[in-house]
N, C-alpha and C. Protein backbone atom coordinates (compact mmCIF):
# COMPACT_ATOMS: atom_id res chain seq x y z
N MET A 1 -29.16 -72.31 -5.57
CA MET A 1 -27.78 -71.87 -5.45
C MET A 1 -27.22 -72.46 -4.16
N ASP A 2 -26.05 -73.07 -4.24
CA ASP A 2 -25.45 -73.66 -3.06
C ASP A 2 -24.45 -72.69 -2.41
N PHE A 3 -23.92 -73.10 -1.25
CA PHE A 3 -23.03 -72.23 -0.50
C PHE A 3 -21.74 -71.91 -1.26
N GLN A 4 -21.24 -72.87 -2.04
CA GLN A 4 -20.02 -72.63 -2.80
C GLN A 4 -20.23 -71.50 -3.82
N ASN A 5 -21.36 -71.50 -4.51
CA ASN A 5 -21.64 -70.44 -5.48
C ASN A 5 -21.81 -69.08 -4.80
N ILE A 6 -22.44 -69.08 -3.62
CA ILE A 6 -22.59 -67.83 -2.86
C ILE A 6 -21.23 -67.28 -2.50
N PHE A 7 -20.31 -68.16 -2.07
CA PHE A 7 -18.96 -67.72 -1.71
C PHE A 7 -18.23 -67.15 -2.92
N VAL A 8 -18.36 -67.79 -4.06
CA VAL A 8 -17.70 -67.32 -5.28
C VAL A 8 -18.22 -65.94 -5.68
N ILE A 9 -19.54 -65.76 -5.64
CA ILE A 9 -20.14 -64.46 -5.98
C ILE A 9 -19.68 -63.39 -5.01
N LYS A 10 -19.71 -63.68 -3.71
CA LYS A 10 -19.29 -62.72 -2.70
C LYS A 10 -17.80 -62.39 -2.87
N HIS A 11 -16.98 -63.40 -3.15
CA HIS A 11 -15.55 -63.20 -3.34
C HIS A 11 -15.30 -62.33 -4.58
N GLN A 12 -16.01 -62.60 -5.67
CA GLN A 12 -15.84 -61.81 -6.88
C GLN A 12 -16.25 -60.36 -6.64
N TYR A 13 -17.36 -60.15 -5.92
CA TYR A 13 -17.78 -58.78 -5.62
C TYR A 13 -16.74 -58.09 -4.76
N GLY A 14 -16.20 -58.81 -3.77
CA GLY A 14 -15.17 -58.24 -2.90
C GLY A 14 -13.94 -57.84 -3.68
N GLN A 15 -13.54 -58.66 -4.64
CA GLN A 15 -12.39 -58.32 -5.48
C GLN A 15 -12.69 -57.10 -6.35
N LYS A 16 -13.90 -57.05 -6.92
CA LYS A 16 -14.28 -55.92 -7.75
C LYS A 16 -14.25 -54.63 -6.93
N GLU A 17 -14.78 -54.68 -5.72
CA GLU A 17 -14.80 -53.49 -4.87
C GLU A 17 -13.37 -53.07 -4.50
N MET A 18 -12.51 -54.03 -4.26
CA MET A 18 -11.12 -53.69 -3.93
C MET A 18 -10.40 -53.08 -5.13
N HIS A 19 -10.71 -53.57 -6.33
CA HIS A 19 -10.13 -52.96 -7.53
C HIS A 19 -10.64 -51.53 -7.71
N GLU A 20 -11.93 -51.33 -7.46
CA GLU A 20 -12.49 -49.98 -7.56
C GLU A 20 -11.87 -49.07 -6.52
N LEU A 21 -11.68 -49.58 -5.30
CA LEU A 21 -11.03 -48.81 -4.24
C LEU A 21 -9.63 -48.39 -4.68
N ALA A 22 -8.88 -49.33 -5.20
CA ALA A 22 -7.51 -49.02 -5.63
C ALA A 22 -7.51 -47.99 -6.75
N LEU A 23 -8.36 -48.17 -7.75
CA LEU A 23 -8.40 -47.24 -8.88
C LEU A 23 -8.82 -45.83 -8.44
N ILE A 24 -9.90 -45.75 -7.66
CA ILE A 24 -10.37 -44.44 -7.20
C ILE A 24 -9.31 -43.78 -6.32
N SER A 25 -8.70 -44.53 -5.41
CA SER A 25 -7.70 -43.96 -4.50
C SER A 25 -6.47 -43.46 -5.26
N ILE A 26 -6.02 -44.24 -6.22
CA ILE A 26 -4.84 -43.83 -7.00
C ILE A 26 -5.15 -42.56 -7.79
N LEU A 27 -6.29 -42.55 -8.47
CA LEU A 27 -6.66 -41.37 -9.27
C LEU A 27 -6.87 -40.13 -8.42
N ILE A 28 -7.56 -40.30 -7.28
CA ILE A 28 -7.89 -39.15 -6.45
C ILE A 28 -6.64 -38.56 -5.78
N PHE A 29 -5.59 -39.34 -5.71
CA PHE A 29 -4.32 -38.84 -5.18
C PHE A 29 -3.44 -38.28 -6.31
N LEU A 30 -3.42 -38.98 -7.45
CA LEU A 30 -2.54 -38.57 -8.54
C LEU A 30 -3.00 -37.33 -9.30
N ILE A 31 -4.31 -37.15 -9.43
CA ILE A 31 -4.80 -35.98 -10.17
C ILE A 31 -4.24 -34.68 -9.59
N PRO A 32 -4.33 -34.45 -8.28
CA PRO A 32 -3.71 -33.22 -7.75
C PRO A 32 -2.19 -33.21 -7.90
N LEU A 33 -1.55 -34.37 -7.81
CA LEU A 33 -0.09 -34.40 -7.97
C LEU A 33 0.33 -34.08 -9.40
N ILE A 34 -0.37 -34.65 -10.36
CA ILE A 34 -0.01 -34.45 -11.77
C ILE A 34 -0.28 -33.02 -12.21
N PHE A 35 -1.42 -32.48 -11.80
CA PHE A 35 -1.81 -31.15 -12.26
C PHE A 35 -1.57 -30.07 -11.21
N GLY A 36 -0.93 -30.42 -10.11
CA GLY A 36 -0.75 -29.50 -9.00
C GLY A 36 0.12 -28.31 -9.27
N HIS A 37 1.01 -28.41 -10.22
CA HIS A 37 1.90 -27.29 -10.50
C HIS A 37 1.24 -26.22 -11.37
N LEU A 38 0.04 -26.50 -11.87
CA LEU A 38 -0.68 -25.54 -12.70
C LEU A 38 -1.71 -24.81 -11.84
N ASN A 39 -1.39 -23.62 -11.40
CA ASN A 39 -2.20 -22.90 -10.42
C ASN A 39 -3.21 -21.94 -11.04
N THR A 40 -3.77 -22.28 -12.18
CA THR A 40 -4.76 -21.40 -12.81
C THR A 40 -6.16 -21.77 -12.35
N LEU A 41 -7.08 -20.83 -12.49
CA LEU A 41 -8.47 -21.07 -12.11
C LEU A 41 -9.07 -22.25 -12.89
N PRO A 42 -8.85 -22.35 -14.21
CA PRO A 42 -9.40 -23.52 -14.92
C PRO A 42 -8.84 -24.84 -14.38
N MET A 43 -7.57 -24.84 -13.96
CA MET A 43 -6.99 -26.08 -13.44
C MET A 43 -7.59 -26.41 -12.07
N GLN A 44 -7.85 -25.39 -11.25
CA GLN A 44 -8.53 -25.64 -9.96
C GLN A 44 -9.90 -26.24 -10.21
N PHE A 45 -10.60 -25.70 -11.21
CA PHE A 45 -11.91 -26.23 -11.55
C PHE A 45 -11.81 -27.68 -12.02
N PHE A 46 -10.86 -27.97 -12.90
CA PHE A 46 -10.67 -29.32 -13.40
C PHE A 46 -10.34 -30.30 -12.28
N VAL A 47 -9.38 -29.95 -11.45
CA VAL A 47 -8.96 -30.85 -10.37
C VAL A 47 -10.08 -31.02 -9.35
N GLY A 48 -10.73 -29.93 -8.95
CA GLY A 48 -11.82 -30.02 -7.98
C GLY A 48 -12.99 -30.84 -8.50
N THR A 49 -13.34 -30.63 -9.76
CA THR A 49 -14.43 -31.40 -10.36
C THR A 49 -14.07 -32.88 -10.43
N THR A 50 -12.85 -33.17 -10.83
CA THR A 50 -12.42 -34.57 -10.92
C THR A 50 -12.41 -35.24 -9.55
N VAL A 51 -11.90 -34.54 -8.55
CA VAL A 51 -11.89 -35.11 -7.19
C VAL A 51 -13.31 -35.36 -6.70
N ASN A 52 -14.20 -34.41 -6.90
CA ASN A 52 -15.59 -34.60 -6.47
C ASN A 52 -16.28 -35.70 -7.26
N PHE A 53 -15.99 -35.81 -8.54
CA PHE A 53 -16.48 -36.91 -9.37
C PHE A 53 -16.08 -38.26 -8.75
N LEU A 54 -14.81 -38.37 -8.38
CA LEU A 54 -14.32 -39.62 -7.79
C LEU A 54 -14.89 -39.85 -6.39
N LEU A 55 -15.13 -38.79 -5.63
CA LEU A 55 -15.77 -38.95 -4.32
C LEU A 55 -17.18 -39.50 -4.47
N VAL A 56 -17.92 -39.01 -5.45
CA VAL A 56 -19.28 -39.52 -5.67
C VAL A 56 -19.23 -40.97 -6.15
N LEU A 57 -18.28 -41.29 -7.01
CA LEU A 57 -18.14 -42.69 -7.43
C LEU A 57 -17.82 -43.59 -6.24
N SER A 58 -17.01 -43.09 -5.32
CA SER A 58 -16.73 -43.90 -4.13
C SER A 58 -18.00 -44.11 -3.31
N ALA A 59 -18.86 -43.10 -3.26
CA ALA A 59 -20.15 -43.26 -2.56
C ALA A 59 -21.00 -44.32 -3.26
N PHE A 60 -20.96 -44.35 -4.57
CA PHE A 60 -21.76 -45.30 -5.34
C PHE A 60 -21.23 -46.73 -5.26
N TYR A 61 -19.91 -46.89 -5.29
CA TYR A 61 -19.34 -48.22 -5.50
C TYR A 61 -18.56 -48.81 -4.34
N LEU A 62 -18.28 -48.02 -3.31
CA LEU A 62 -17.50 -48.54 -2.18
C LEU A 62 -18.36 -48.58 -0.93
N SER A 63 -18.04 -49.52 -0.07
CA SER A 63 -18.80 -49.65 1.18
C SER A 63 -17.89 -49.39 2.39
N GLY A 64 -18.51 -48.92 3.45
CA GLY A 64 -17.86 -48.79 4.75
C GLY A 64 -16.54 -48.05 4.75
N TRP A 65 -15.56 -48.66 5.41
CA TRP A 65 -14.25 -48.05 5.62
C TRP A 65 -13.52 -47.75 4.32
N LYS A 66 -13.90 -48.39 3.25
CA LYS A 66 -13.21 -48.22 1.98
C LYS A 66 -13.36 -46.79 1.45
N ASN A 67 -14.31 -46.04 1.94
CA ASN A 67 -14.47 -44.64 1.53
C ASN A 67 -13.44 -43.72 2.18
N LEU A 68 -12.75 -44.19 3.21
CA LEU A 68 -11.80 -43.33 3.91
C LEU A 68 -10.66 -42.85 3.02
N PHE A 69 -10.13 -43.74 2.20
CA PHE A 69 -9.00 -43.34 1.35
C PHE A 69 -9.39 -42.21 0.39
N PRO A 70 -10.49 -42.34 -0.35
CA PRO A 70 -10.88 -41.22 -1.22
C PRO A 70 -11.21 -39.94 -0.44
N ILE A 71 -11.69 -40.06 0.77
CA ILE A 71 -12.03 -38.89 1.57
C ILE A 71 -10.77 -38.15 2.03
N LEU A 72 -9.74 -38.88 2.41
CA LEU A 72 -8.55 -38.27 3.00
C LEU A 72 -7.47 -37.88 2.00
N LEU A 73 -7.31 -38.65 0.94
CA LEU A 73 -6.16 -38.48 0.05
C LEU A 73 -6.09 -37.16 -0.73
N PRO A 74 -7.21 -36.61 -1.23
CA PRO A 74 -7.06 -35.41 -2.07
C PRO A 74 -6.44 -34.21 -1.36
N SER A 75 -6.80 -33.97 -0.12
CA SER A 75 -6.25 -32.81 0.58
C SER A 75 -4.77 -33.02 0.91
N ILE A 76 -4.39 -34.25 1.15
CA ILE A 76 -2.97 -34.54 1.39
C ILE A 76 -2.18 -34.27 0.11
N ALA A 77 -2.70 -34.74 -1.02
CA ALA A 77 -2.03 -34.50 -2.30
C ALA A 77 -1.99 -33.01 -2.61
N ALA A 78 -3.09 -32.31 -2.36
CA ALA A 78 -3.12 -30.86 -2.62
C ALA A 78 -2.09 -30.14 -1.77
N TYR A 79 -1.98 -30.54 -0.54
CA TYR A 79 -0.99 -29.90 0.32
C TYR A 79 0.43 -30.19 -0.17
N LEU A 80 0.66 -31.43 -0.54
CA LEU A 80 2.00 -31.82 -0.97
C LEU A 80 2.44 -31.10 -2.25
N THR A 81 1.52 -30.78 -3.10
CA THR A 81 1.89 -30.17 -4.38
C THR A 81 1.65 -28.66 -4.42
N GLY A 82 0.97 -28.12 -3.46
CA GLY A 82 0.68 -26.69 -3.48
C GLY A 82 -0.29 -26.32 -4.59
N ILE A 83 -1.21 -27.23 -4.89
CA ILE A 83 -2.07 -27.09 -6.06
C ILE A 83 -2.86 -25.78 -6.09
N LEU A 84 -3.46 -25.39 -5.01
CA LEU A 84 -4.37 -24.25 -5.06
C LEU A 84 -3.73 -22.92 -4.73
N PHE A 85 -2.74 -22.94 -3.87
CA PHE A 85 -2.35 -21.69 -3.27
C PHE A 85 -0.88 -21.33 -3.42
N GLY A 86 -0.11 -22.13 -4.09
CA GLY A 86 1.30 -21.80 -4.30
C GLY A 86 1.98 -21.43 -3.01
N ALA A 87 2.36 -20.18 -2.89
CA ALA A 87 3.08 -19.70 -1.70
C ALA A 87 2.22 -19.79 -0.44
N ASN A 88 0.92 -19.85 -0.60
CA ASN A 88 0.02 -19.90 0.55
C ASN A 88 -0.36 -21.32 0.95
N THR A 89 0.32 -22.32 0.42
CA THR A 89 -0.03 -23.70 0.69
C THR A 89 0.02 -24.04 2.18
N SER A 90 0.93 -23.43 2.90
CA SER A 90 1.01 -23.73 4.34
C SER A 90 -0.30 -23.40 5.05
N PHE A 91 -1.05 -22.43 4.52
CA PHE A 91 -2.34 -22.08 5.11
C PHE A 91 -3.37 -23.19 4.93
N LEU A 92 -3.16 -24.05 3.94
CA LEU A 92 -4.08 -25.15 3.70
C LEU A 92 -4.16 -26.08 4.91
N LEU A 93 -3.11 -26.13 5.71
CA LEU A 93 -3.12 -26.97 6.91
C LEU A 93 -4.28 -26.63 7.84
N PHE A 94 -4.67 -25.37 7.88
CA PHE A 94 -5.80 -24.96 8.73
C PHE A 94 -7.11 -25.59 8.25
N PHE A 95 -7.17 -25.90 6.96
CA PHE A 95 -8.42 -26.36 6.37
C PHE A 95 -8.52 -27.88 6.22
N ILE A 96 -7.42 -28.59 6.35
CA ILE A 96 -7.45 -30.03 6.09
C ILE A 96 -8.50 -30.77 6.93
N PRO A 97 -8.62 -30.51 8.24
CA PRO A 97 -9.68 -31.21 8.99
C PRO A 97 -11.09 -30.90 8.45
N PHE A 98 -11.30 -29.66 8.02
CA PHE A 98 -12.62 -29.29 7.47
C PHE A 98 -12.83 -29.91 6.09
N ILE A 99 -11.76 -30.02 5.32
CA ILE A 99 -11.85 -30.69 4.02
C ILE A 99 -12.20 -32.16 4.22
N TRP A 100 -11.56 -32.80 5.17
CA TRP A 100 -11.87 -34.21 5.45
C TRP A 100 -13.33 -34.35 5.89
N LEU A 101 -13.78 -33.46 6.77
CA LEU A 101 -15.18 -33.50 7.22
C LEU A 101 -16.12 -33.24 6.04
N GLY A 102 -15.80 -32.24 5.23
CA GLY A 102 -16.63 -31.93 4.06
C GLY A 102 -16.70 -33.09 3.09
N ASN A 103 -15.56 -33.73 2.83
CA ASN A 103 -15.55 -34.89 1.93
C ASN A 103 -16.34 -36.05 2.52
N PHE A 104 -16.21 -36.25 3.83
CA PHE A 104 -16.96 -37.32 4.49
C PHE A 104 -18.46 -37.09 4.35
N ILE A 105 -18.91 -35.89 4.66
CA ILE A 105 -20.33 -35.56 4.56
C ILE A 105 -20.81 -35.66 3.12
N PHE A 106 -19.98 -35.20 2.18
CA PHE A 106 -20.30 -35.27 0.75
C PHE A 106 -20.53 -36.72 0.32
N VAL A 107 -19.63 -37.60 0.70
CA VAL A 107 -19.76 -39.02 0.36
C VAL A 107 -20.95 -39.63 1.09
N TYR A 108 -21.07 -39.34 2.38
CA TYR A 108 -22.16 -39.90 3.18
C TYR A 108 -23.53 -39.51 2.63
N LEU A 109 -23.72 -38.22 2.36
CA LEU A 109 -25.03 -37.77 1.87
C LEU A 109 -25.32 -38.32 0.46
N ASN A 110 -24.30 -38.43 -0.37
CA ASN A 110 -24.52 -39.04 -1.68
C ASN A 110 -24.91 -40.50 -1.54
N LYS A 111 -24.26 -41.20 -0.62
CA LYS A 111 -24.59 -42.61 -0.40
C LYS A 111 -26.02 -42.73 0.16
N LYS A 112 -26.35 -41.89 1.11
CA LYS A 112 -27.66 -41.96 1.77
C LYS A 112 -28.80 -41.53 0.86
N ILE A 113 -28.64 -40.39 0.19
CA ILE A 113 -29.74 -39.83 -0.61
C ILE A 113 -29.72 -40.35 -2.04
N SER A 114 -28.56 -40.25 -2.69
CA SER A 114 -28.48 -40.66 -4.10
C SER A 114 -28.66 -42.16 -4.25
N VAL A 115 -28.00 -42.93 -3.40
CA VAL A 115 -28.06 -44.39 -3.51
C VAL A 115 -29.19 -44.95 -2.65
N GLY A 116 -29.19 -44.63 -1.36
CA GLY A 116 -30.15 -45.20 -0.43
C GLY A 116 -31.59 -44.84 -0.72
N GLU A 117 -31.84 -43.57 -0.99
CA GLU A 117 -33.21 -43.12 -1.26
C GLU A 117 -33.50 -43.04 -2.76
N ASN A 118 -32.50 -43.36 -3.58
CA ASN A 118 -32.63 -43.34 -5.03
C ASN A 118 -33.08 -41.98 -5.56
N LYS A 119 -32.47 -40.93 -5.01
CA LYS A 119 -32.74 -39.56 -5.46
C LYS A 119 -31.40 -38.92 -5.82
N PRO A 120 -30.83 -39.35 -6.95
CA PRO A 120 -29.46 -38.93 -7.26
C PRO A 120 -29.28 -37.42 -7.44
N TYR A 121 -30.20 -36.75 -8.11
CA TYR A 121 -30.02 -35.31 -8.32
C TYR A 121 -30.16 -34.54 -7.02
N LEU A 122 -31.11 -34.91 -6.20
CA LEU A 122 -31.28 -34.29 -4.89
C LEU A 122 -30.04 -34.54 -4.03
N GLY A 123 -29.53 -35.77 -4.06
CA GLY A 123 -28.33 -36.11 -3.29
C GLY A 123 -27.13 -35.28 -3.69
N THR A 124 -26.97 -35.10 -4.99
CA THR A 124 -25.84 -34.32 -5.48
C THR A 124 -25.97 -32.86 -5.08
N ILE A 125 -27.13 -32.30 -5.25
CA ILE A 125 -27.34 -30.88 -4.91
C ILE A 125 -27.19 -30.66 -3.41
N TYR A 126 -27.86 -31.46 -2.61
CA TYR A 126 -27.83 -31.29 -1.17
C TYR A 126 -26.42 -31.50 -0.61
N SER A 127 -25.76 -32.58 -1.04
CA SER A 127 -24.42 -32.86 -0.52
C SER A 127 -23.42 -31.79 -0.94
N SER A 128 -23.59 -31.23 -2.13
CA SER A 128 -22.69 -30.16 -2.60
C SER A 128 -22.86 -28.89 -1.77
N ILE A 129 -24.10 -28.54 -1.48
CA ILE A 129 -24.37 -27.35 -0.67
C ILE A 129 -23.82 -27.52 0.74
N VAL A 130 -24.08 -28.67 1.34
CA VAL A 130 -23.60 -28.91 2.71
C VAL A 130 -22.08 -28.90 2.75
N LYS A 131 -21.44 -29.58 1.78
CA LYS A 131 -19.97 -29.60 1.75
C LYS A 131 -19.42 -28.19 1.64
N SER A 132 -19.98 -27.38 0.76
CA SER A 132 -19.43 -26.03 0.58
C SER A 132 -19.62 -25.19 1.85
N PHE A 133 -20.72 -25.37 2.57
CA PHE A 133 -20.90 -24.64 3.82
C PHE A 133 -19.93 -25.12 4.90
N ILE A 134 -19.67 -26.42 4.93
CA ILE A 134 -18.72 -26.97 5.91
C ILE A 134 -17.34 -26.36 5.70
N LEU A 135 -17.01 -26.03 4.47
CA LEU A 135 -15.71 -25.42 4.18
C LEU A 135 -15.74 -23.89 4.24
N PHE A 136 -16.85 -23.30 3.86
CA PHE A 136 -16.92 -21.85 3.78
C PHE A 136 -17.02 -21.20 5.16
N ILE A 137 -17.80 -21.76 6.05
CA ILE A 137 -17.98 -21.15 7.39
C ILE A 137 -16.65 -21.06 8.14
N PRO A 138 -15.86 -22.15 8.23
CA PRO A 138 -14.54 -21.99 8.88
C PRO A 138 -13.64 -21.00 8.14
N ALA A 139 -13.76 -20.96 6.80
CA ALA A 139 -12.93 -20.01 6.03
C ALA A 139 -13.26 -18.58 6.42
N VAL A 140 -14.54 -18.27 6.56
CA VAL A 140 -14.95 -16.92 6.97
C VAL A 140 -14.35 -16.59 8.33
N ILE A 141 -14.45 -17.52 9.25
CA ILE A 141 -13.93 -17.29 10.60
C ILE A 141 -12.41 -17.11 10.59
N ILE A 142 -11.72 -18.00 9.89
CA ILE A 142 -10.25 -17.96 9.88
C ILE A 142 -9.75 -16.72 9.13
N VAL A 143 -10.44 -16.31 8.08
CA VAL A 143 -10.07 -15.08 7.37
C VAL A 143 -10.36 -13.87 8.26
N TYR A 144 -11.52 -13.86 8.92
CA TYR A 144 -11.89 -12.75 9.81
C TYR A 144 -10.84 -12.58 10.93
N LEU A 145 -10.32 -13.70 11.42
CA LEU A 145 -9.29 -13.64 12.46
C LEU A 145 -7.91 -13.29 11.88
N LYS A 146 -7.86 -13.10 10.57
CA LYS A 146 -6.63 -12.73 9.85
C LYS A 146 -5.53 -13.78 9.97
N ILE A 147 -5.95 -15.04 10.00
CA ILE A 147 -5.00 -16.15 10.05
C ILE A 147 -4.58 -16.55 8.64
N VAL A 148 -5.53 -16.46 7.71
CA VAL A 148 -5.25 -16.82 6.32
C VAL A 148 -5.72 -15.68 5.41
N PRO A 149 -5.19 -15.61 4.19
CA PRO A 149 -5.59 -14.55 3.25
C PRO A 149 -7.03 -14.73 2.75
N GLU A 150 -7.59 -13.63 2.25
CA GLU A 150 -8.98 -13.64 1.78
C GLU A 150 -9.21 -14.54 0.57
N LEU A 151 -8.18 -14.88 -0.17
CA LEU A 151 -8.35 -15.74 -1.34
C LEU A 151 -8.99 -17.08 -0.99
N PHE A 152 -8.90 -17.45 0.27
CA PHE A 152 -9.50 -18.71 0.71
C PHE A 152 -11.02 -18.66 0.73
N LEU A 153 -11.58 -17.47 0.78
CA LEU A 153 -13.04 -17.37 0.77
C LEU A 153 -13.63 -17.88 -0.54
N ILE A 154 -13.01 -17.55 -1.65
CA ILE A 154 -13.48 -18.03 -2.96
C ILE A 154 -13.20 -19.53 -3.08
N ALA A 155 -11.99 -19.93 -2.72
CA ALA A 155 -11.59 -21.33 -2.87
C ALA A 155 -12.42 -22.26 -1.99
N MET A 156 -12.80 -21.82 -0.81
CA MET A 156 -13.52 -22.68 0.13
C MET A 156 -15.03 -22.44 0.12
N GLY A 157 -15.49 -21.58 -0.74
CA GLY A 157 -16.93 -21.31 -0.83
C GLY A 157 -17.46 -21.61 -2.22
N PRO A 158 -17.54 -20.58 -3.06
CA PRO A 158 -18.13 -20.77 -4.39
C PRO A 158 -17.43 -21.84 -5.23
N MET A 159 -16.09 -21.89 -5.17
CA MET A 159 -15.37 -22.89 -5.96
C MET A 159 -15.71 -24.31 -5.49
N GLN A 160 -15.87 -24.49 -4.19
CA GLN A 160 -16.24 -25.81 -3.68
C GLN A 160 -17.64 -26.21 -4.16
N LEU A 161 -18.56 -25.27 -4.12
CA LEU A 161 -19.92 -25.56 -4.57
C LEU A 161 -19.94 -25.91 -6.05
N ILE A 162 -19.26 -25.12 -6.86
CA ILE A 162 -19.24 -25.34 -8.30
C ILE A 162 -18.61 -26.68 -8.65
N THR A 163 -17.47 -26.99 -8.04
CA THR A 163 -16.78 -28.24 -8.38
C THR A 163 -17.51 -29.46 -7.81
N ALA A 164 -18.16 -29.31 -6.66
CA ALA A 164 -18.93 -30.43 -6.10
C ALA A 164 -20.14 -30.74 -6.99
N LEU A 165 -20.85 -29.69 -7.41
CA LEU A 165 -21.99 -29.91 -8.31
C LEU A 165 -21.54 -30.49 -9.64
N SER A 166 -20.47 -29.94 -10.20
CA SER A 166 -19.96 -30.42 -11.49
C SER A 166 -19.52 -31.88 -11.40
N GLY A 167 -18.72 -32.18 -10.40
CA GLY A 167 -18.25 -33.56 -10.22
C GLY A 167 -19.39 -34.51 -9.92
N GLY A 168 -20.35 -34.06 -9.11
CA GLY A 168 -21.50 -34.90 -8.78
C GLY A 168 -22.34 -35.23 -9.99
N PHE A 169 -22.62 -34.22 -10.81
CA PHE A 169 -23.45 -34.48 -12.00
C PHE A 169 -22.70 -35.31 -13.03
N LEU A 170 -21.39 -35.11 -13.15
CA LEU A 170 -20.61 -35.98 -14.05
C LEU A 170 -20.65 -37.43 -13.58
N ALA A 171 -20.60 -37.64 -12.27
CA ALA A 171 -20.67 -39.00 -11.72
C ALA A 171 -22.03 -39.63 -12.00
N LEU A 172 -23.09 -38.84 -11.95
CA LEU A 172 -24.42 -39.37 -12.26
C LEU A 172 -24.49 -39.81 -13.72
N VAL A 173 -23.94 -39.00 -14.62
CA VAL A 173 -23.92 -39.36 -16.04
C VAL A 173 -23.09 -40.63 -16.25
N PHE A 174 -21.91 -40.66 -15.64
CA PHE A 174 -21.03 -41.83 -15.75
C PHE A 174 -21.74 -43.08 -15.23
N ASN A 175 -22.38 -42.95 -14.08
CA ASN A 175 -23.07 -44.09 -13.47
C ASN A 175 -24.18 -44.61 -14.38
N ASN A 176 -24.90 -43.70 -15.04
CA ASN A 176 -25.95 -44.13 -15.98
C ASN A 176 -25.38 -44.90 -17.16
N PHE A 177 -24.22 -44.47 -17.66
CA PHE A 177 -23.58 -45.18 -18.78
C PHE A 177 -22.99 -46.50 -18.34
N ARG A 178 -22.56 -46.57 -17.09
CA ARG A 178 -21.93 -47.80 -16.58
C ARG A 178 -22.94 -48.91 -16.39
N LYS A 179 -24.18 -48.56 -16.11
CA LYS A 179 -25.20 -49.57 -15.83
C LYS A 179 -25.47 -50.47 -17.00
């Protein structure tokens, strides 16, 4: 293989990754916007699972800085549409830094364990638990200080764990079919 062929392969991979970045980023932003006006528990489950599914796909298919868009965009979209909390959406501002941190850790651990160590089920379970704790612990503190309503305890604890596990396992199934 000569240098020209190496450049073509690298260029094609770079284009593919940029297309995946664009698709994942658009979907991870639009899903909360499209379904944000439906504030039911099943819709929270659907949107959360879909977002976590896309976060795991970003861990699988994107490298480096390209994961930032999928990590940051969902909470911005959720805030803009009031997806989870309707009248309480302004309280979501307290959680956005923790959501970003939780998403970052979720993607990082999936990339490290699921991809790097080739232990996809362990990566999904571990990253889901860690993400939910990153969101639940601040929720307990902020609720205890009476800054936000108690409804955030469910949304930032059990719901995060359930949707992270669901989205993670769906991504594993999708990834197996994609291969």
